All heavy atoms as atom14 arrays in JSON, in Angstrom:
{
  "sequence": "TEYVGVNFSDGPITPVPWVGGFTVHCTASKTLTAGAWTTCQI",
  "atom14_mask": [
    [1, 1, 1, 1, 1, 1, 1, 0, 0, 0, 0, 0, 0, 0],
    [1, 1, 1, 1, 1, 1, 1, 1, 1, 0, 0, 0, 0, 0],
    [1, 1, 1, 1, 1, 1, 1, 1, 1, 1, 1, 1, 0, 0],
    [1, 1, 1, 1, 1, 1, 1, 0, 0, 0, 0, 0, 0, 0],
    [1, 1, 1, 1, 0, 0, 0, 0, 0, 0, 0, 0, 0, 0],
    [1, 1, 1, 1, 1, 1, 1, 0, 0, 0, 0, 0, 0, 0],
    [1, 1, 1, 1, 1, 1, 1, 1, 0, 0, 0, 0, 0, 0],
    [1, 1, 1, 1, 1, 1, 1, 1, 1, 1, 1, 0, 0, 0],
    [1, 1, 1, 1, 1, 1, 0, 0, 0, 0, 0, 0, 0, 0],
    [1, 1, 1, 1, 1, 1, 1, 1, 0, 0, 0, 0, 0, 0],
    [1, 1, 1, 1, 0, 0, 0, 0, 0, 0, 0, 0, 0, 0],
    [1, 1, 1, 1, 1, 1, 1, 0, 0, 0, 0, 0, 0, 0],
    [1, 1, 1, 1, 1, 1, 1, 1, 0, 0, 0, 0, 0, 0],
    [1, 1, 1, 1, 1, 1, 1, 0, 0, 0, 0, 0, 0, 0],
    [1, 1, 1, 1, 1, 1, 1, 0, 0, 0, 0, 0, 0, 0],
    [1, 1, 1, 1, 1, 1, 1, 0, 0, 0, 0, 0, 0, 0],
    [1, 1, 1, 1, 1, 1, 1, 0, 0, 0, 0, 0, 0, 0],
    [1, 1, 1, 1, 1, 1, 1, 1, 1, 1, 1, 1, 1, 1],
    [1, 1, 1, 1, 1, 1, 1, 0, 0, 0, 0, 0, 0, 0],
    [1, 1, 1, 1, 0, 0, 0, 0, 0, 0, 0, 0, 0, 0],
    [1, 1, 1, 1, 0, 0, 0, 0, 0, 0, 0, 0, 0, 0],
    [1, 1, 1, 1, 1, 1, 1, 1, 1, 1, 1, 0, 0, 0],
    [1, 1, 1, 1, 1, 1, 1, 0, 0, 0, 0, 0, 0, 0],
    [1, 1, 1, 1, 1, 1, 1, 0, 0, 0, 0, 0, 0, 0],
    [1, 1, 1, 1, 1, 1, 1, 1, 1, 1, 0, 0, 0, 0],
    [1, 1, 1, 1, 1, 1, 0, 0, 0, 0, 0, 0, 0, 0],
    [1, 1, 1, 1, 1, 1, 1, 0, 0, 0, 0, 0, 0, 0],
    [1, 1, 1, 1, 1, 0, 0, 0, 0, 0, 0, 0, 0, 0],
    [1, 1, 1, 1, 1, 1, 0, 0, 0, 0, 0, 0, 0, 0],
    [1, 1, 1, 1, 1, 1, 1, 1, 1, 0, 0, 0, 0, 0],
    [1, 1, 1, 1, 1, 1, 1, 0, 0, 0, 0, 0, 0, 0],
    [1, 1, 1, 1, 1, 1, 1, 1, 0, 0, 0, 0, 0, 0],
    [1, 1, 1, 1, 1, 1, 1, 0, 0, 0, 0, 0, 0, 0],
    [1, 1, 1, 1, 1, 0, 0, 0, 0, 0, 0, 0, 0, 0],
    [1, 1, 1, 1, 0, 0, 0, 0, 0, 0, 0, 0, 0, 0],
    [1, 1, 1, 1, 1, 0, 0, 0, 0, 0, 0, 0, 0, 0],
    [1, 1, 1, 1, 1, 1, 1, 1, 1, 1, 1, 1, 1, 1],
    [1, 1, 1, 1, 1, 1, 1, 0, 0, 0, 0, 0, 0, 0],
    [1, 1, 1, 1, 1, 1, 1, 0, 0, 0, 0, 0, 0, 0],
    [1, 1, 1, 1, 1, 1, 0, 0, 0, 0, 0, 0, 0, 0],
    [1, 1, 1, 1, 1, 1, 1, 1, 1, 0, 0, 0, 0, 0],
    [1, 1, 1, 1, 1, 1, 1, 1, 0, 0, 0, 0, 0, 0]
  ],
  "atom14_positions": [
    [[-101.23, -120.02, 89.43], [-102.4, -119.18, 89.27], [-102.06, -117.93, 88.47], [-101.06, -117.26, 88.73], [-102.98, -118.77, 90.63], [-103.34, -119.96, 91.35], [-104.22, -117.9, 90.47], [0.0, 0.0, 0.0], [0.0, 0.0, 0.0], [0.0, 0.0, 0.0], [0.0, 0.0, 0.0], [0.0, 0.0, 0.0], [0.0, 0.0, 0.0], [0.0, 0.0, 0.0]],
    [[-102.91, -117.64, 87.48], [-102.76, -116.44, 86.64], [-103.97, -115.53, 86.87], [-105.08, -116.01, 87.15], [-102.66, -116.81, 85.16], [-101.77, -118.0, 84.85], [-100.31, -117.8, 85.2], [-99.9, -116.65, 85.39], [-99.59, -118.8, 85.3], [0.0, 0.0, 0.0], [0.0, 0.0, 0.0], [0.0, 0.0, 0.0], [0.0, 0.0, 0.0], [0.0, 0.0, 0.0]],
    [[-103.75, -114.23, 86.73], [-104.79, -113.22, 86.99], [-104.88, -112.29, 85.79], [-103.86, -111.76, 85.33], [-104.44, -112.4, 88.23], [-104.19, -113.23, 89.47], [-102.92, -113.72, 89.77], [-105.23, -113.51, 90.37], [-102.68, -114.46, 90.91], [-105.0, -114.25, 91.52], [-103.72, -114.73, 91.78], [-103.49, -115.47, 92.92], [0.0, 0.0, 0.0], [0.0, 0.0, 0.0]],
    [[-106.1, -112.06, 85.3], [-106.3, -111.17, 84.16], [-107.47, -110.24, 84.46], [-108.57, -110.7, 84.83], [-106.58, -111.95, 82.86], [-106.94, -111.0, 81.72], [-105.35, -112.77, 82.47], [0.0, 0.0, 0.0], [0.0, 0.0, 0.0], [0.0, 0.0, 0.0], [0.0, 0.0, 0.0], [0.0, 0.0, 0.0], [0.0, 0.0, 0.0], [0.0, 0.0, 0.0]],
    [[-107.24, -108.94, 84.31], [-108.3, -107.95, 84.43], [-108.76, -107.49, 83.05], [-107.94, -107.39, 82.12], [0.0, 0.0, 0.0], [0.0, 0.0, 0.0], [0.0, 0.0, 0.0], [0.0, 0.0, 0.0], [0.0, 0.0, 0.0], [0.0, 0.0, 0.0], [0.0, 0.0, 0.0], [0.0, 0.0, 0.0], [0.0, 0.0, 0.0], [0.0, 0.0, 0.0]],
    [[-110.06, -107.25, 82.9], [-110.6, -106.7, 81.66], [-111.47, -105.49, 82.0], [-112.2, -105.51, 82.99], [-111.42, -107.74, 80.85], [-110.56, -108.92, 80.45], [-112.64, -108.2, 81.61], [0.0, 0.0, 0.0], [0.0, 0.0, 0.0], [0.0, 0.0, 0.0], [0.0, 0.0, 0.0], [0.0, 0.0, 0.0], [0.0, 0.0, 0.0], [0.0, 0.0, 0.0]],
    [[-111.35, -104.46, 81.19], [-112.2, -103.28, 81.34], [-113.22, -103.25, 80.21], [-112.84, -103.24, 79.03], [-111.37, -102.0, 81.32], [-110.63, -101.77, 82.61], [-109.62, -102.42, 82.87], [-111.11, -100.84, 83.43], [0.0, 0.0, 0.0], [0.0, 0.0, 0.0], [0.0, 0.0, 0.0], [0.0, 0.0, 0.0], [0.0, 0.0, 0.0], [0.0, 0.0, 0.0]],
    [[-114.49, -103.29, 80.59], [-115.58, -103.07, 79.65], [-115.84, -101.55, 79.57], [-115.66, -100.83, 80.55], [-116.86, -103.76, 80.13], [-116.79, -105.25, 80.2], [-116.42, -105.89, 81.38], [-117.13, -106.03, 79.11], [-116.39, -107.28, 81.46], [-117.09, -107.42, 79.18], [-116.71, -108.04, 80.35], [0.0, 0.0, 0.0], [0.0, 0.0, 0.0], [0.0, 0.0, 0.0]],
    [[-116.32, -101.09, 78.41], [-116.74, -99.69, 78.29], [-117.97, -99.62, 77.41], [-118.33, -100.6, 76.74], [-115.61, -98.82, 77.72], [-115.45, -99.04, 76.33], [0.0, 0.0, 0.0], [0.0, 0.0, 0.0], [0.0, 0.0, 0.0], [0.0, 0.0, 0.0], [0.0, 0.0, 0.0], [0.0, 0.0, 0.0], [0.0, 0.0, 0.0], [0.0, 0.0, 0.0]],
    [[-118.61, -98.45, 77.4], [-119.78, -98.27, 76.54], [-119.43, -97.54, 75.26], [-120.32, -97.05, 74.55], [-120.91, -97.55, 77.29], [-120.48, -96.2, 77.85], [-119.3, -95.85, 77.73], [-121.35, -95.5, 78.42], [0.0, 0.0, 0.0], [0.0, 0.0, 0.0], [0.0, 0.0, 0.0], [0.0, 0.0, 0.0], [0.0, 0.0, 0.0], [0.0, 0.0, 0.0]],
    [[-118.16, -97.47, 74.93], [-117.7, -96.83, 73.7], [-116.31, -96.27, 73.9], [-115.68, -96.47, 74.94], [0.0, 0.0, 0.0], [0.0, 0.0, 0.0], [0.0, 0.0, 0.0], [0.0, 0.0, 0.0], [0.0, 0.0, 0.0], [0.0, 0.0, 0.0], [0.0, 0.0, 0.0], [0.0, 0.0, 0.0], [0.0, 0.0, 0.0], [0.0, 0.0, 0.0]],
    [[-115.81, -95.57, 72.88], [-114.48, -94.96, 73.02], [-114.44, -93.96, 74.17], [-115.4, -93.23, 74.41], [-114.27, -94.25, 71.66], [-115.2, -94.96, 70.73], [-116.39, -95.36, 71.54], [0.0, 0.0, 0.0], [0.0, 0.0, 0.0], [0.0, 0.0, 0.0], [0.0, 0.0, 0.0], [0.0, 0.0, 0.0], [0.0, 0.0, 0.0], [0.0, 0.0, 0.0]],
    [[-113.32, -93.95, 74.88], [-113.13, -93.03, 76.01], [-111.89, -92.18, 75.72], [-110.8, -92.72, 75.56], [-112.95, -93.79, 77.33], [-114.24, -94.57, 77.66], [-112.62, -92.83, 78.47], [-114.15, -95.39, 78.93], [0.0, 0.0, 0.0], [0.0, 0.0, 0.0], [0.0, 0.0, 0.0], [0.0, 0.0, 0.0], [0.0, 0.0, 0.0], [0.0, 0.0, 0.0]],
    [[-112.09, -90.9, 75.64], [-110.98, -90.0, 75.37], [-110.51, -89.35, 76.67], [-111.3, -89.18, 77.61], [-111.39, -88.9, 74.38], [-112.54, -88.21, 74.88], [-111.75, -89.51, 73.02], [0.0, 0.0, 0.0], [0.0, 0.0, 0.0], [0.0, 0.0, 0.0], [0.0, 0.0, 0.0], [0.0, 0.0, 0.0], [0.0, 0.0, 0.0], [0.0, 0.0, 0.0]],
    [[-109.25, -88.99, 76.74], [-108.74, -88.33, 77.95], [-109.45, -87.0, 78.2], [-109.97, -86.37, 77.28], [-107.25, -88.11, 77.63], [-106.94, -89.09, 76.55], [-108.19, -89.23, 75.74], [0.0, 0.0, 0.0], [0.0, 0.0, 0.0], [0.0, 0.0, 0.0], [0.0, 0.0, 0.0], [0.0, 0.0, 0.0], [0.0, 0.0, 0.0], [0.0, 0.0, 0.0]],
    [[-109.47, -86.58, 79.46], [-109.97, -85.26, 79.83], [-108.8, -84.42, 80.29], [-107.83, -84.94, 80.86], [-111.06, -85.34, 80.92], [-112.27, -86.09, 80.42], [-110.51, -85.99, 82.18], [0.0, 0.0, 0.0], [0.0, 0.0, 0.0], [0.0, 0.0, 0.0], [0.0, 0.0, 0.0], [0.0, 0.0, 0.0], [0.0, 0.0, 0.0], [0.0, 0.0, 0.0]],
    [[-108.84, -83.12, 80.03], [-107.71, -82.26, 80.43], [-107.51, -82.27, 81.95], [-108.48, -82.17, 82.71], [-108.13, -80.88, 79.92], [-109.16, -81.14, 78.88], [-109.88, -82.37, 79.31], [0.0, 0.0, 0.0], [0.0, 0.0, 0.0], [0.0, 0.0, 0.0], [0.0, 0.0, 0.0], [0.0, 0.0, 0.0], [0.0, 0.0, 0.0], [0.0, 0.0, 0.0]],
    [[-106.27, -82.37, 82.36], [-105.92, -82.34, 83.78], [-105.75, -80.88, 84.21], [-104.72, -80.47, 84.72], [-104.66, -83.18, 83.97], [-104.11, -83.31, 85.37], [-102.86, -82.99, 85.78], [-104.77, -83.82, 86.54], [-102.69, -83.25, 87.12], [-103.86, -83.77, 87.62], [-106.06, -84.31, 86.77], [-104.18, -84.19, 88.9], [-106.38, -84.73, 88.06], [-105.44, -84.67, 89.1]],
    [[-106.8, -80.1, 84.0], [-106.77, -78.67, 84.3], [-107.48, -78.44, 85.63], [-108.65, -78.82, 85.8], [-107.46, -77.85, 83.19], [-107.49, -76.37, 83.57], [-106.75, -78.05, 81.87], [0.0, 0.0, 0.0], [0.0, 0.0, 0.0], [0.0, 0.0, 0.0], [0.0, 0.0, 0.0], [0.0, 0.0, 0.0], [0.0, 0.0, 0.0], [0.0, 0.0, 0.0]],
    [[-106.78, -77.84, 86.58], [-107.35, -77.6, 87.89], [-107.41, -78.84, 88.75], [-108.02, -78.83, 89.83], [0.0, 0.0, 0.0], [0.0, 0.0, 0.0], [0.0, 0.0, 0.0], [0.0, 0.0, 0.0], [0.0, 0.0, 0.0], [0.0, 0.0, 0.0], [0.0, 0.0, 0.0], [0.0, 0.0, 0.0], [0.0, 0.0, 0.0], [0.0, 0.0, 0.0]],
    [[-106.79, -79.93, 88.3], [-106.84, -81.17, 89.05], [-105.83, -81.22, 90.19], [-104.86, -80.47, 90.22], [0.0, 0.0, 0.0], [0.0, 0.0, 0.0], [0.0, 0.0, 0.0], [0.0, 0.0, 0.0], [0.0, 0.0, 0.0], [0.0, 0.0, 0.0], [0.0, 0.0, 0.0], [0.0, 0.0, 0.0], [0.0, 0.0, 0.0], [0.0, 0.0, 0.0]],
    [[-106.09, -82.11, 91.13], [-105.15, -82.32, 92.24], [-105.31, -83.77, 92.71], [-106.28, -84.46, 92.35], [-105.42, -81.35, 93.39], [-106.75, -81.54, 94.06], [-106.87, -82.33, 95.21], [-107.91, -80.96, 93.54], [-108.11, -82.51, 95.82], [-109.14, -81.14, 94.16], [-109.24, -81.92, 95.3], [0.0, 0.0, 0.0], [0.0, 0.0, 0.0], [0.0, 0.0, 0.0]],
    [[-104.37, -84.25, 93.5], [-104.39, -85.61, 93.99], [-104.44, -85.6, 95.51], [-103.67, -84.89, 96.17], [-103.14, -86.38, 93.53], [-103.1, -86.39, 92.09], [-103.15, -87.82, 94.04], [0.0, 0.0, 0.0], [0.0, 0.0, 0.0], [0.0, 0.0, 0.0], [0.0, 0.0, 0.0], [0.0, 0.0, 0.0], [0.0, 0.0, 0.0], [0.0, 0.0, 0.0]],
    [[-105.36, -86.38, 96.07], [-105.5, -86.49, 97.52], [-105.11, -87.91, 97.95], [-105.49, -88.89, 97.3], [-106.93, -86.14, 97.98], [-107.96, -87.08, 97.38], [-107.03, -86.15, 99.5], [0.0, 0.0, 0.0], [0.0, 0.0, 0.0], [0.0, 0.0, 0.0], [0.0, 0.0, 0.0], [0.0, 0.0, 0.0], [0.0, 0.0, 0.0], [0.0, 0.0, 0.0]],
    [[-104.36, -88.01, 99.04], [-103.95, -89.3, 99.59], [-104.93, -89.73, 100.66], [-105.36, -88.93, 101.5], [-102.54, -89.19, 100.18], [-102.07, -90.44, 100.86], [-101.96, -90.56, 102.23], [-101.7, -91.64, 100.34], [-101.52, -91.78, 102.53], [-101.37, -92.45, 101.41], [0.0, 0.0, 0.0], [0.0, 0.0, 0.0], [0.0, 0.0, 0.0], [0.0, 0.0, 0.0]],
    [[-105.31, -91.02, 100.62], [-106.23, -91.6, 101.58], [-105.65, -92.91, 102.1], [-104.74, -93.48, 101.5], [-107.6, -91.87, 100.95], [-108.36, -90.45, 100.13], [0.0, 0.0, 0.0], [0.0, 0.0, 0.0], [0.0, 0.0, 0.0], [0.0, 0.0, 0.0], [0.0, 0.0, 0.0], [0.0, 0.0, 0.0], [0.0, 0.0, 0.0], [0.0, 0.0, 0.0]],
    [[-106.18, -93.38, 103.21], [-105.71, -94.63, 103.79], [-106.89, -95.48, 104.24], [-108.02, -95.01, 104.37], [-104.79, -94.39, 105.0], [-105.5, -93.59, 105.97], [-103.51, -93.67, 104.59], [0.0, 0.0, 0.0], [0.0, 0.0, 0.0], [0.0, 0.0, 0.0], [0.0, 0.0, 0.0], [0.0, 0.0, 0.0], [0.0, 0.0, 0.0], [0.0, 0.0, 0.0]],
    [[-106.58, -96.76, 104.5], [-107.52, -97.68, 105.14], [-106.71, -98.73, 105.88], [-105.53, -98.95, 105.57], [-108.44, -98.34, 104.11], [0.0, 0.0, 0.0], [0.0, 0.0, 0.0], [0.0, 0.0, 0.0], [0.0, 0.0, 0.0], [0.0, 0.0, 0.0], [0.0, 0.0, 0.0], [0.0, 0.0, 0.0], [0.0, 0.0, 0.0], [0.0, 0.0, 0.0]],
    [[-107.31, -99.35, 106.87], [-106.67, -100.43, 107.63], [-107.58, -101.64, 107.63], [-107.88, -102.23, 108.67], [-106.37, -99.97, 109.06], [-105.47, -98.89, 109.07], [0.0, 0.0, 0.0], [0.0, 0.0, 0.0], [0.0, 0.0, 0.0], [0.0, 0.0, 0.0], [0.0, 0.0, 0.0], [0.0, 0.0, 0.0], [0.0, 0.0, 0.0], [0.0, 0.0, 0.0]],
    [[-108.01, -102.01, 106.45], [-108.92, -103.14, 106.27], [-108.11, -104.42, 106.07], [-107.13, -104.44, 105.32], [-109.8, -102.89, 105.04], [-110.81, -103.97, 104.74], [-112.04, -103.84, 105.59], [-113.15, -104.77, 105.12], [-114.39, -104.59, 105.88], [0.0, 0.0, 0.0], [0.0, 0.0, 0.0], [0.0, 0.0, 0.0], [0.0, 0.0, 0.0], [0.0, 0.0, 0.0]],
    [[-108.5, -105.5, 106.74], [-107.88, -106.79, 106.47], [-108.52, -107.38, 105.22], [-109.72, -107.69, 105.2], [-108.07, -107.75, 107.66], [-107.43, -107.19, 108.81], [-107.44, -109.1, 107.36], [0.0, 0.0, 0.0], [0.0, 0.0, 0.0], [0.0, 0.0, 0.0], [0.0, 0.0, 0.0], [0.0, 0.0, 0.0], [0.0, 0.0, 0.0], [0.0, 0.0, 0.0]],
    [[-107.73, -107.48, 104.16], [-108.25, -107.94, 102.88], [-108.43, -109.45, 102.89], [-107.69, -110.19, 103.55], [-107.29, -107.53, 101.76], [-106.94, -106.05, 101.66], [-106.01, -105.8, 100.49], [-108.2, -105.19, 101.54], [0.0, 0.0, 0.0], [0.0, 0.0, 0.0], [0.0, 0.0, 0.0], [0.0, 0.0, 0.0], [0.0, 0.0, 0.0], [0.0, 0.0, 0.0]],
    [[-109.42, -109.9, 102.14], [-109.62, -111.34, 101.94], [-108.75, -111.81, 100.79], [-108.86, -111.29, 99.68], [-111.1, -111.64, 101.64], [-111.91, -111.18, 102.73], [-111.32, -113.12, 101.44], [0.0, 0.0, 0.0], [0.0, 0.0, 0.0], [0.0, 0.0, 0.0], [0.0, 0.0, 0.0], [0.0, 0.0, 0.0], [0.0, 0.0, 0.0], [0.0, 0.0, 0.0]],
    [[-107.87, -112.75, 101.04], [-106.95, -113.23, 100.0], [-107.73, -113.86, 98.85], [-108.63, -114.67, 99.06], [-105.97, -114.24, 100.59], [0.0, 0.0, 0.0], [0.0, 0.0, 0.0], [0.0, 0.0, 0.0], [0.0, 0.0, 0.0], [0.0, 0.0, 0.0], [0.0, 0.0, 0.0], [0.0, 0.0, 0.0], [0.0, 0.0, 0.0], [0.0, 0.0, 0.0]],
    [[-107.4, -113.44, 97.63], [-108.0, -114.04, 96.45], [-109.42, -113.62, 96.17], [-110.16, -114.34, 95.49], [0.0, 0.0, 0.0], [0.0, 0.0, 0.0], [0.0, 0.0, 0.0], [0.0, 0.0, 0.0], [0.0, 0.0, 0.0], [0.0, 0.0, 0.0], [0.0, 0.0, 0.0], [0.0, 0.0, 0.0], [0.0, 0.0, 0.0], [0.0, 0.0, 0.0]],
    [[-109.84, -112.45, 96.68], [-111.21, -111.97, 96.47], [-111.22, -110.45, 96.55], [-110.28, -109.83, 97.06], [-112.16, -112.57, 97.5], [0.0, 0.0, 0.0], [0.0, 0.0, 0.0], [0.0, 0.0, 0.0], [0.0, 0.0, 0.0], [0.0, 0.0, 0.0], [0.0, 0.0, 0.0], [0.0, 0.0, 0.0], [0.0, 0.0, 0.0], [0.0, 0.0, 0.0]],
    [[-112.3, -109.85, 96.07], [-112.48, -108.41, 96.22], [-112.85, -108.1, 97.67], [-113.69, -108.77, 98.26], [-113.6, -107.89, 95.32], [-113.31, -107.91, 93.85], [-113.88, -108.72, 92.91], [-112.42, -107.04, 93.13], [-113.4, -108.42, 91.66], [-112.5, -107.39, 91.76], [-111.56, -106.02, 93.51], [-111.76, -106.75, 90.78], [-110.81, -105.38, 92.54], [-110.9, -105.73, 91.19]],
    [[-112.24, -107.05, 98.24], [-112.6, -106.54, 99.56], [-112.88, -105.05, 99.43], [-112.08, -104.31, 98.86], [-111.47, -106.76, 100.57], [-111.15, -108.15, 100.65], [-111.88, -106.27, 101.95], [0.0, 0.0, 0.0], [0.0, 0.0, 0.0], [0.0, 0.0, 0.0], [0.0, 0.0, 0.0], [0.0, 0.0, 0.0], [0.0, 0.0, 0.0], [0.0, 0.0, 0.0]],
    [[-114.02, -104.61, 99.94], [-114.39, -103.2, 99.86], [-113.84, -102.45, 101.06], [-114.04, -102.85, 102.2], [-115.92, -103.06, 99.79], [-116.41, -103.77, 98.65], [-116.32, -101.59, 99.67], [0.0, 0.0, 0.0], [0.0, 0.0, 0.0], [0.0, 0.0, 0.0], [0.0, 0.0, 0.0], [0.0, 0.0, 0.0], [0.0, 0.0, 0.0], [0.0, 0.0, 0.0]],
    [[-113.16, -101.33, 100.78], [-112.49, -100.54, 101.82], [-113.14, -99.17, 101.95], [-113.4, -98.5, 100.94], [-111.01, -100.36, 101.5], [-110.06, -101.89, 101.38], [0.0, 0.0, 0.0], [0.0, 0.0, 0.0], [0.0, 0.0, 0.0], [0.0, 0.0, 0.0], [0.0, 0.0, 0.0], [0.0, 0.0, 0.0], [0.0, 0.0, 0.0], [0.0, 0.0, 0.0]],
    [[-113.37, -98.74, 103.19], [-113.75, -97.36, 103.48], [-112.47, -96.54, 103.56], [-111.54, -96.91, 104.27], [-114.5, -97.28, 104.82], [-115.74, -98.13, 104.89], [-116.96, -97.43, 104.32], [-116.89, -96.26, 103.94], [-118.07, -98.14, 104.26], [0.0, 0.0, 0.0], [0.0, 0.0, 0.0], [0.0, 0.0, 0.0], [0.0, 0.0, 0.0], [0.0, 0.0, 0.0]],
    [[-112.41, -95.44, 102.84], [-111.18, -94.66, 102.78], [-111.29, -93.4, 103.64], [-112.37, -92.84, 103.81], [-110.8, -94.29, 101.33], [-111.87, -93.38, 100.7], [-110.63, -95.56, 100.5], [-111.48, -92.88, 99.31], [0.0, 0.0, 0.0], [0.0, 0.0, 0.0], [0.0, 0.0, 0.0], [0.0, 0.0, 0.0], [0.0, 0.0, 0.0], [0.0, 0.0, 0.0]]
  ]
}
């Protein structure tokens, strides 16, 4: 089995400045469905 992701866009996307940004860590304890998308509450 092979897996390929594709990103569609509505045009060119340029980076935004990482000014004032920060990173927050979140968790979930959801049992994922193998081989499918599973939506998680974080």
